[in-house]
N, C-alpha and C. Protein backbone atom coordinates (compact mmCIF):
# COMPACT_ATOMS: atom_id res chain seq x y z
N UNK A 1 81.24 3.82 88.33
CA UNK A 1 81.29 5.19 87.81
C UNK A 1 81.66 5.15 86.34
N UNK A 2 82.09 6.23 85.78
CA UNK A 2 82.48 6.37 84.42
C UNK A 2 83.65 7.31 84.24
N UNK A 3 84.34 7.20 83.13
CA UNK A 3 85.45 8.10 82.84
C UNK A 3 84.94 9.04 81.72
N UNK A 4 85.05 10.31 82.04
CA UNK A 4 84.67 11.33 80.97
C UNK A 4 85.78 11.42 79.98
N UNK A 5 85.37 11.43 78.73
CA UNK A 5 86.35 11.43 77.65
C UNK A 5 86.56 12.74 76.96
N UNK A 6 85.38 13.47 76.73
CA UNK A 6 85.53 14.77 76.04
C UNK A 6 84.29 15.63 76.51
N UNK A 7 84.48 16.87 76.42
CA UNK A 7 83.32 17.83 76.61
C UNK A 7 83.46 18.75 75.37
N UNK A 8 82.45 18.69 74.54
CA UNK A 8 82.50 19.51 73.28
C UNK A 8 81.41 20.49 73.28
N UNK A 9 81.82 21.77 73.06
CA UNK A 9 80.80 22.85 72.96
C UNK A 9 79.97 22.76 71.69
N UNK A 10 78.70 23.06 71.75
CA UNK A 10 77.87 23.12 70.62
C UNK A 10 77.53 24.63 70.42
N UNK A 11 78.03 25.24 69.37
CA UNK A 11 77.96 26.69 69.12
C UNK A 11 76.96 26.97 68.08
N UNK A 12 75.81 27.68 68.43
CA UNK A 12 74.90 28.16 67.43
C UNK A 12 75.48 29.29 66.63
N UNK A 13 75.28 29.20 65.28
CA UNK A 13 75.90 30.12 64.42
C UNK A 13 74.79 30.87 63.50
N UNK A 14 75.00 32.14 63.26
CA UNK A 14 74.10 32.86 62.44
C UNK A 14 74.51 32.56 60.97
N UNK A 15 75.73 32.23 60.65
CA UNK A 15 76.26 31.93 59.30
C UNK A 15 77.21 30.79 59.38
N UNK A 16 76.76 29.58 59.36
CA UNK A 16 77.60 28.40 59.65
C UNK A 16 78.86 28.36 58.87
N UNK A 17 78.77 28.63 57.55
CA UNK A 17 79.97 28.54 56.67
C UNK A 17 81.08 29.42 57.15
N UNK A 18 80.76 30.64 57.51
CA UNK A 18 81.82 31.59 58.01
C UNK A 18 82.34 31.27 59.33
N UNK A 19 81.46 30.76 60.16
CA UNK A 19 81.93 30.34 61.55
C UNK A 19 82.88 29.10 61.33
N UNK A 20 82.48 28.17 60.50
CA UNK A 20 83.39 27.04 60.21
C UNK A 20 84.69 27.49 59.62
N UNK A 21 84.70 28.47 58.80
CA UNK A 21 85.92 28.95 58.14
C UNK A 21 86.85 29.58 59.21
N UNK A 22 86.33 30.23 60.26
CA UNK A 22 87.16 30.71 61.33
C UNK A 22 87.90 29.59 62.05
N UNK A 23 87.13 28.53 62.40
CA UNK A 23 87.74 27.42 63.10
C UNK A 23 88.71 26.71 62.22
N UNK A 24 88.58 26.62 60.92
CA UNK A 24 89.44 25.96 60.00
C UNK A 24 90.66 26.83 59.76
N UNK A 25 90.44 28.04 59.26
CA UNK A 25 91.59 28.82 58.83
C UNK A 25 92.32 29.59 59.92
N UNK A 26 91.67 29.95 60.96
CA UNK A 26 92.38 30.68 62.00
C UNK A 26 92.89 29.69 63.08
N UNK A 27 92.06 28.79 63.53
CA UNK A 27 92.52 27.92 64.67
C UNK A 27 93.02 26.53 64.25
N UNK A 28 92.92 26.20 62.89
CA UNK A 28 93.53 24.90 62.40
C UNK A 28 92.66 23.68 62.70
N UNK A 29 91.40 23.77 62.94
CA UNK A 29 90.57 22.65 63.19
C UNK A 29 90.24 22.03 61.75
N UNK A 30 90.02 20.71 61.77
CA UNK A 30 89.64 20.02 60.46
C UNK A 30 88.23 19.53 60.55
N UNK A 31 87.60 19.55 59.44
CA UNK A 31 86.14 19.10 59.38
C UNK A 31 86.09 17.57 59.54
N UNK A 32 85.22 17.16 60.43
CA UNK A 32 84.84 15.72 60.56
C UNK A 32 83.56 15.54 59.82
N UNK A 33 82.66 16.52 59.98
CA UNK A 33 81.37 16.56 59.20
C UNK A 33 81.08 17.98 58.93
N UNK A 34 80.56 18.28 57.76
CA UNK A 34 80.23 19.67 57.47
C UNK A 34 79.00 19.72 56.49
N UNK A 35 77.90 20.12 57.00
CA UNK A 35 76.64 20.24 56.21
C UNK A 35 76.19 21.66 56.38
N UNK A 36 75.18 22.07 55.53
CA UNK A 36 74.68 23.42 55.71
C UNK A 36 73.92 23.67 57.10
N UNK A 37 73.54 22.55 57.75
CA UNK A 37 72.85 22.71 59.03
C UNK A 37 73.68 22.40 60.30
N UNK A 38 74.67 21.63 60.11
CA UNK A 38 75.47 21.11 61.27
C UNK A 38 76.88 20.74 60.93
N UNK A 39 77.83 21.03 61.66
CA UNK A 39 79.23 20.73 61.38
C UNK A 39 79.98 20.33 62.69
N UNK A 40 80.94 19.42 62.48
CA UNK A 40 81.78 19.00 63.55
C UNK A 40 83.18 19.17 63.09
N UNK A 41 83.97 19.89 63.97
CA UNK A 41 85.41 20.11 63.66
C UNK A 41 86.28 19.62 64.81
N UNK A 42 87.48 19.25 64.43
CA UNK A 42 88.36 18.62 65.43
C UNK A 42 89.77 19.08 65.28
N UNK A 43 90.47 19.21 66.39
CA UNK A 43 91.87 19.49 66.44
C UNK A 43 92.49 18.74 67.67
N UNK A 44 93.49 18.01 67.42
CA UNK A 44 94.03 17.20 68.48
C UNK A 44 92.95 16.37 69.02
N UNK A 45 92.68 16.39 70.35
CA UNK A 45 91.65 15.61 70.91
C UNK A 45 90.40 16.48 71.26
N UNK A 46 90.29 17.64 70.66
CA UNK A 46 89.18 18.53 70.91
C UNK A 46 88.23 18.55 69.73
N UNK A 47 86.92 18.60 70.05
CA UNK A 47 85.87 18.68 69.11
C UNK A 47 84.90 19.77 69.44
N UNK A 48 84.53 20.50 68.35
CA UNK A 48 83.45 21.50 68.47
C UNK A 48 82.35 21.12 67.50
N UNK A 49 81.20 21.52 67.92
CA UNK A 49 79.95 21.29 67.08
C UNK A 49 79.38 22.67 66.72
N UNK A 50 79.09 22.87 65.48
CA UNK A 50 78.50 24.11 65.02
C UNK A 50 77.10 23.81 64.49
N UNK A 51 76.10 24.55 64.88
CA UNK A 51 74.77 24.36 64.31
C UNK A 51 74.19 25.63 63.87
N UNK A 52 73.28 25.55 62.92
CA UNK A 52 72.61 26.73 62.37
C UNK A 52 71.62 27.23 63.37
N UNK A 53 71.62 28.47 63.62
CA UNK A 53 70.63 29.04 64.60
C UNK A 53 70.04 30.37 64.01
N UNK A 54 68.93 30.71 64.65
CA UNK A 54 68.32 31.98 64.29
C UNK A 54 69.06 33.11 65.07
N UNK A 55 68.51 34.36 64.92
CA UNK A 55 69.17 35.55 65.55
C UNK A 55 68.94 35.59 66.98
N UNK A 56 67.96 34.92 67.55
CA UNK A 56 67.63 35.01 69.00
C UNK A 56 68.25 33.89 69.79
N UNK A 57 69.58 33.97 69.95
CA UNK A 57 70.25 32.99 70.78
C UNK A 57 70.93 33.62 71.96
N UNK A 58 71.13 32.88 72.98
CA UNK A 58 71.86 33.40 74.20
C UNK A 58 73.35 33.40 73.98
N UNK A 59 74.01 34.16 74.86
CA UNK A 59 75.48 34.26 74.86
C UNK A 59 76.10 32.95 75.37
N UNK A 60 77.27 32.56 74.85
CA UNK A 60 78.02 31.50 75.47
C UNK A 60 79.50 31.90 75.44
N UNK A 61 80.26 31.29 76.26
CA UNK A 61 81.72 31.46 76.30
C UNK A 61 82.37 30.07 76.53
N UNK A 62 83.54 29.88 75.97
CA UNK A 62 84.28 28.69 76.37
C UNK A 62 85.80 29.01 76.31
N UNK A 63 86.52 28.10 76.99
CA UNK A 63 87.94 28.34 77.24
C UNK A 63 88.76 27.23 76.56
N UNK A 64 89.73 27.61 75.76
CA UNK A 64 90.62 26.71 75.04
C UNK A 64 92.04 26.96 75.70
N UNK A 65 92.56 25.98 76.35
CA UNK A 65 93.87 26.03 76.92
C UNK A 65 94.86 25.52 75.98
N UNK A 66 95.98 26.31 75.67
CA UNK A 66 96.96 25.88 74.72
C UNK A 66 98.35 25.85 75.39
N UNK A 67 99.35 25.34 74.68
CA UNK A 67 100.66 25.16 75.17
C UNK A 67 101.59 26.34 74.71
N UNK A 68 101.15 27.19 73.84
CA UNK A 68 101.97 28.27 73.32
C UNK A 68 101.13 29.44 72.83
N UNK A 69 100.53 30.22 73.83
CA UNK A 69 99.67 31.26 73.43
C UNK A 69 100.31 32.32 72.58
N UNK A 70 101.48 32.75 72.87
CA UNK A 70 102.18 33.81 72.11
C UNK A 70 102.42 33.38 70.71
N UNK A 71 102.86 32.09 70.58
CA UNK A 71 103.06 31.53 69.23
C UNK A 71 101.76 31.43 68.41
N UNK A 72 100.70 31.08 69.05
CA UNK A 72 99.36 31.04 68.42
C UNK A 72 99.07 32.43 67.95
N UNK A 73 99.19 33.39 68.82
CA UNK A 73 98.86 34.77 68.53
C UNK A 73 99.62 35.30 67.35
N UNK A 74 100.94 34.99 67.33
CA UNK A 74 101.72 35.45 66.18
C UNK A 74 101.22 34.85 64.85
N UNK A 75 100.66 33.63 64.87
CA UNK A 75 100.22 32.99 63.67
C UNK A 75 98.83 33.40 63.25
N UNK A 76 98.05 33.93 64.16
CA UNK A 76 96.62 34.28 63.83
C UNK A 76 96.36 35.87 63.84
N UNK A 77 97.20 36.66 64.38
CA UNK A 77 96.82 38.09 64.56
C UNK A 77 96.44 38.69 63.22
N UNK A 78 97.00 38.33 62.15
CA UNK A 78 96.61 38.89 60.83
C UNK A 78 95.26 38.41 60.29
N UNK A 79 94.93 37.15 60.75
CA UNK A 79 93.71 36.49 60.34
C UNK A 79 92.46 36.93 61.11
N UNK A 80 92.66 37.65 62.26
CA UNK A 80 91.53 38.06 63.01
C UNK A 80 91.26 39.56 62.92
N UNK A 81 91.87 40.17 61.93
CA UNK A 81 91.59 41.56 61.59
C UNK A 81 90.06 41.77 61.36
N UNK A 82 89.51 42.75 62.00
CA UNK A 82 88.04 42.97 61.82
C UNK A 82 87.14 42.28 62.81
N UNK A 83 87.72 41.42 63.55
CA UNK A 83 86.95 40.64 64.65
C UNK A 83 87.27 41.40 65.96
N UNK A 84 86.25 41.28 66.84
CA UNK A 84 86.49 41.82 68.19
C UNK A 84 87.49 40.92 68.96
N UNK A 85 88.63 41.48 69.33
CA UNK A 85 89.72 40.67 69.90
C UNK A 85 90.38 41.47 71.03
N UNK A 86 90.74 40.80 72.08
CA UNK A 86 91.61 41.34 73.04
C UNK A 86 92.91 40.60 72.99
N UNK A 87 94.01 41.29 72.69
CA UNK A 87 95.28 40.71 72.48
C UNK A 87 95.86 40.09 73.77
N UNK A 88 96.84 39.21 73.71
CA UNK A 88 97.34 38.50 74.90
C UNK A 88 97.64 39.45 76.10
N UNK A 89 97.29 38.98 77.26
CA UNK A 89 97.50 39.78 78.49
C UNK A 89 97.59 38.78 79.62
N UNK A 90 98.23 39.18 80.75
CA UNK A 90 98.34 38.30 81.88
C UNK A 90 97.14 38.54 82.91
N UNK A 91 96.64 37.44 83.48
CA UNK A 91 95.55 37.54 84.39
C UNK A 91 96.10 37.34 85.88
N UNK A 92 95.47 37.82 86.79
CA UNK A 92 95.82 37.72 88.19
C UNK A 92 95.75 36.34 88.67
N UNK A 93 95.03 35.41 88.01
CA UNK A 93 94.89 34.04 88.48
C UNK A 93 95.86 33.10 87.75
N UNK A 94 96.96 33.70 87.13
CA UNK A 94 98.02 32.83 86.75
C UNK A 94 97.93 32.39 85.29
N UNK A 95 97.05 32.97 84.48
CA UNK A 95 96.96 32.58 83.14
C UNK A 95 97.23 33.76 82.20
N UNK A 96 97.82 33.55 81.05
CA UNK A 96 97.99 34.49 80.00
C UNK A 96 96.85 34.10 78.97
N UNK A 97 96.09 35.13 78.59
CA UNK A 97 94.93 34.83 77.78
C UNK A 97 94.78 35.87 76.64
N UNK A 98 94.04 35.46 75.59
CA UNK A 98 93.53 36.35 74.55
C UNK A 98 92.04 35.99 74.42
N UNK A 99 91.21 36.96 73.96
CA UNK A 99 89.82 36.76 73.79
C UNK A 99 89.42 37.07 72.35
N UNK A 100 88.60 36.20 71.77
CA UNK A 100 88.14 36.46 70.39
C UNK A 100 86.65 36.20 70.33
N UNK A 101 85.91 37.14 69.72
CA UNK A 101 84.51 36.95 69.50
C UNK A 101 84.40 36.00 68.24
N UNK A 102 83.78 34.93 68.33
CA UNK A 102 83.67 33.96 67.25
C UNK A 102 82.77 34.51 66.25
N UNK A 103 83.11 34.57 64.92
CA UNK A 103 82.33 35.24 63.92
C UNK A 103 80.99 34.63 63.78
N UNK A 104 79.96 35.41 63.58
CA UNK A 104 78.61 34.97 63.29
C UNK A 104 77.98 34.19 64.41
N UNK A 105 78.40 34.34 65.64
CA UNK A 105 77.83 33.76 66.77
C UNK A 105 77.65 34.75 67.87
N UNK A 106 77.14 34.33 68.97
CA UNK A 106 77.12 35.14 70.25
C UNK A 106 77.95 34.48 71.27
N UNK A 107 79.23 34.12 70.78
CA UNK A 107 80.19 33.40 71.55
C UNK A 107 81.46 34.06 71.69
N UNK A 108 82.03 34.04 72.90
CA UNK A 108 83.32 34.58 73.24
C UNK A 108 84.25 33.48 73.51
N UNK A 109 85.34 33.35 72.78
CA UNK A 109 86.41 32.32 72.92
C UNK A 109 87.53 32.87 73.78
N UNK A 110 87.79 32.24 74.89
CA UNK A 110 88.91 32.59 75.72
C UNK A 110 90.04 31.51 75.38
N UNK A 111 91.19 32.04 75.06
CA UNK A 111 92.36 31.16 74.78
C UNK A 111 93.38 31.51 75.84
N UNK A 112 93.91 30.47 76.54
CA UNK A 112 94.81 30.77 77.60
C UNK A 112 95.89 29.77 77.78
N UNK A 113 97.00 30.14 78.48
CA UNK A 113 98.13 29.25 78.87
C UNK A 113 98.53 29.71 80.25
N UNK A 114 98.79 28.68 81.03
CA UNK A 114 99.28 28.85 82.34
C UNK A 114 100.63 29.61 82.38
N UNK A 115 100.73 30.57 83.24
CA UNK A 115 102.02 31.33 83.34
C UNK A 115 102.95 30.52 84.27
N UNK A 116 104.05 30.10 83.70
CA UNK A 116 104.97 29.34 84.57
C UNK A 116 105.80 30.25 85.44
N UNK A 117 105.84 29.97 86.66
CA UNK A 117 106.57 30.82 87.60
C UNK A 117 107.84 30.11 88.07
């Protein structure tokens, strides 16, 4: 068999530079590769791929689990002004989450942390 190492979303963007800026400036990802057509960003052991796309793309969603959701929210809430955001809230399945529509994509980012009981 094999051992899976990473699963990296590939996010089509209507405006790659501004989508990349969101991951850099709001979520603290660093560029591994950044061209006008394709970019790879990394934080800790996570990698995202951004690619240029036309206007006719499907919707996608992905989930980022973190260790301090409220601390993250405190550090980014001013940076996400003007974006479609649902502020942190508790879910019935034991997660505290916030939702952000990723700029210039058709992507919803769920960020969550397990609620310790």
